[in-house]
Amino acid sequence: MWQFHLTAVPWELLDLACVVAFPLLLLRWARAARGWLLLAAGSWDVWATYSGGNVEGMLLTATLLAARLLWPPRPLGRAAIPLAAALVAFVVLAKPFYVLFLVAFGLVLLLGANEPRRATLRSLGAVAGLTTLVIAGEVIRWGPVLREDALRYLAHTLDAQWFVLPVAQQTPMSAWNRTPLQALIALRLPAVPAQFVAGLVWLAALAVSAWLVRGRRLSFAPAFAVAFALLYLGRPVGWTLVDLDLVVGVAAWPALTRAGRALLLVGVVALLLSHWAALVATGLGDGLLLLTLQPADRPWETWLVLSAAWALVLWATRRLTSRDPATVPSQDAASGAMTMGSLVTSSDRS
């Protein structure tokens, strides 16, 4: 930002453009109704991310664009590969743990039946190679002082984090970090074992996801949602659950019955209201809840919401796809007509 001379106003406009672009592009590529924009507009997670000047909105939008450029058929042909690599490099340089999304999405691409595996391997290999070159060039450009600082930080990352403190010493901000790593530390696991267990949890979730999507002909929305849910399950730091409800809701909606849709909407609205309630409680002087009602020592939202989102996306993906490569998934046809108030059941769509 400093090198591009971005002052406050251009930065805010760019950030706001990305915050708005993410739901609009997602709904367009999922062929979903614009009514889903209400979730983004009414989310304190979204507004907290934007008002805090966080780069998350830009990273999510760049990740969505990169995923779409990798998805067959590629909208820009051969030009999609270098552009996707540039976006991936930008995201990974800003927050390296976004590699979790890229690994998961690449695995979904490889195991799905959307295009020949050899073509997918060539595309992913090209993107990985170009991304590595861009990142290497950037690290060289840093110079020896910045490189040394970066390596020192990477070698002692946990030592610099407030969220790995014992529960009794944690600040109220620890409750905001709704990640499995933070939840394991709340169970009084030391930081290093907690990091190891969190990694195993993510790998197990990745393996289950890979097994369930293997050989299935996916459409973009559920494939993106699977990787998105895995990103939230694996990331070490996450103050908000920004756009998780939107991504999961759009992907799962066509697979749900009338009762299931009603239950999903009730759960999502309840979660949104709980986050606004945390903001109101903070304004009234009731501690520093701000982003969530969950306490640091009882991370119910982490375990319940993240696990439910991941499980729902996988269930919907299985429901909407077939193992027959020649069978077009019902998601594309169903999504075009779906609305927030639709009462069409899965059997009717079939």
Foldseek 3Di string as FASTA:
>chain_A
DVVVVDDDVNLLVVLVVLLVVLLVVLCVQLLADPVLVCLSVLFPLSVVCSVVSHCVSVLSSLQVLLLQCLDPPHPVPPVSLLSSLVSVLVNCVVPVLCVLLVVLLLLLVQQELADDNVVSVVSVVSSVVSNVVVNVVVLVVVDDVVVVVVVVCVVCVVVPDQLQDQPVPHAQLLLLFLEQLLQVVLVVDHNVVSLVVLVVVLVVLSVVLSVLNGLKHFRSLLSSLLSLLSSRHRDRGDRGPNCNLSSLCSQLVLAAAQVRLVVSVVVSVVQSVQQVVQCVCVVVVNGNSNGHPDGSNGNPCSVPVSVVSNVSSSVSRNRQIDSPSVDDTLSSVSNNPDHSPDRDHNVNSD
